[in-house]
Amino acid sequence: MSVIDDVAKGASGGIVTTADLEVIDGRQCDHFNVVENSDGWYPEKWAIWLQRKDVPLPCKFVVSGSTGLTRDVQISEFSWKPHPTLTYVQV
């Protein structure tokens, strides 16, 4: 998850490129591609979508990597409720 924070701050150690604006679950999200260890044998790649708001919360990310023998992919989508109403139950 730290790579998302790095992208949001513009401080990634990898190569960051921007892609098109996409609508995910009704939210406008900026799409970024991040590659770390691009010169190595097994680069790690992320596709990250950050909500276009004052606080760029993640909309979605796709992580892919390889050890040479396998290729792993993880896809996660997020929905946020920034100011939830919490109900406390006393036990």
Protein backbone atom coordinates (compact mmCIF):
# COMPACT_ATOMS: atom_id res chain seq x y z
CA MET A 1 0.00 0.00 0.00
CA SER A 2 2.94 2.36 0.46
CA VAL A 3 3.35 2.68 -3.32
CA ILE A 4 -0.12 4.27 -3.43
CA ASP A 5 0.95 6.82 -0.83
CA ASP A 6 4.13 7.50 -2.81
CA VAL A 7 2.15 8.07 -6.01
CA ALA A 8 -0.31 10.36 -4.24
CA LYS A 9 2.63 12.43 -2.93
CA GLY A 10 4.53 12.26 -6.22
CA ALA A 11 7.46 10.54 -4.49
CA SER A 12 7.71 7.06 -5.97
CA GLY A 13 11.07 5.32 -6.35
CA GLY A 14 9.87 3.70 -9.56
CA ILE A 15 8.75 4.93 -12.94
CA VAL A 16 5.30 6.54 -12.81
CA THR A 17 3.22 7.26 -15.89
CA THR A 18 -0.31 8.61 -16.07
CA ALA A 19 -3.15 7.12 -18.03
CA ASP A 20 -6.70 8.28 -18.71
CA LEU A 21 -9.28 9.39 -16.18
CA GLU A 22 -11.69 6.52 -15.48
CA VAL A 23 -15.03 6.27 -13.73
CA ILE A 24 -15.04 3.50 -11.12
CA ASP A 25 -18.24 2.90 -9.16
CA GLY A 26 -19.46 6.39 -10.12
CA ARG A 27 -16.24 8.14 -8.96
CA GLN A 28 -13.75 9.98 -11.18
CA CYS A 29 -10.37 8.32 -10.68
CA ASP A 30 -6.95 9.19 -12.10
CA HIS A 31 -5.09 6.14 -13.42
CA PHE A 32 -1.34 5.73 -12.81
CA ASN A 33 1.04 2.96 -13.84
CA VAL A 34 4.05 2.32 -11.62
CA VAL A 35 7.03 0.07 -12.41
CA GLU A 36 9.73 -0.65 -9.84
CA ASN A 37 12.94 -2.52 -10.57
CA SER A 38 12.37 -1.87 -14.27
CA ASP A 39 15.98 -2.78 -15.13
CA GLY A 40 15.87 -6.04 -13.17
CA TRP A 41 14.91 -9.52 -14.24
CA TYR A 42 11.51 -9.38 -12.55
CA PRO A 43 10.01 -5.87 -12.47
CA GLU A 44 7.02 -5.23 -10.25
CA LYS A 45 4.07 -3.40 -11.80
CA TRP A 46 1.12 -1.57 -10.30
CA ALA A 47 -1.89 0.04 -11.94
CA ILE A 48 -3.37 2.47 -9.43
CA TRP A 49 -6.54 4.56 -9.61
CA LEU A 50 -6.83 7.46 -7.15
CA GLN A 51 -10.06 9.36 -6.65
CA ARG A 52 -9.92 12.87 -8.09
CA LYS A 53 -10.62 14.80 -4.86
CA ASP A 54 -8.73 16.79 -2.23
CA VAL A 55 -7.93 13.50 -0.51
CA PRO A 56 -6.95 11.06 -3.29
CA LEU A 57 -8.35 7.85 -1.80
CA PRO A 58 -7.62 4.66 -3.74
CA CYS A 59 -10.41 3.50 -6.06
CA LYS A 60 -8.65 0.39 -7.33
CA PHE A 61 -5.25 -1.17 -7.77
CA VAL A 62 -3.79 -4.05 -9.71
CA VAL A 63 -0.45 -5.53 -8.65
CA SER A 64 1.47 -7.92 -10.85
CA GLY A 65 4.82 -9.52 -10.31
CA SER A 66 6.81 -12.52 -11.37
CA THR A 67 9.49 -14.76 -9.93
CA GLY A 68 10.31 -16.09 -13.39
CA LEU A 69 8.36 -19.28 -12.71
CA THR A 70 5.01 -17.75 -11.86
CA ARG A 71 3.08 -14.57 -12.57
CA ASP A 72 0.98 -13.28 -9.70
CA VAL A 73 -1.82 -10.73 -10.04
CA GLN A 74 -3.92 -9.13 -7.31
CA ILE A 75 -6.88 -6.84 -8.05
CA SER A 76 -8.48 -4.78 -5.27
CA GLU A 77 -11.32 -2.24 -5.48
CA PHE A 78 -12.22 0.14 -2.66
CA SER A 79 -15.23 2.12 -1.55
CA TRP A 80 -14.91 4.63 1.26
CA LYS A 81 -17.23 6.26 3.73
CA PRO A 82 -15.02 9.11 5.04
CA HIS A 83 -17.28 10.20 7.91
CA PRO A 84 -19.18 7.11 9.08
CA THR A 85 -21.70 7.18 11.90
CA LEU A 86 -20.49 4.70 14.48
CA THR A 87 -22.75 2.98 16.97
CA TYR A 88 -21.15 1.89 20.20
CA VAL A 89 -22.50 -1.08 22.08
CA GLN A 90 -21.58 -1.39 25.74
CA VAL A 91 -20.85 -4.96 26.76
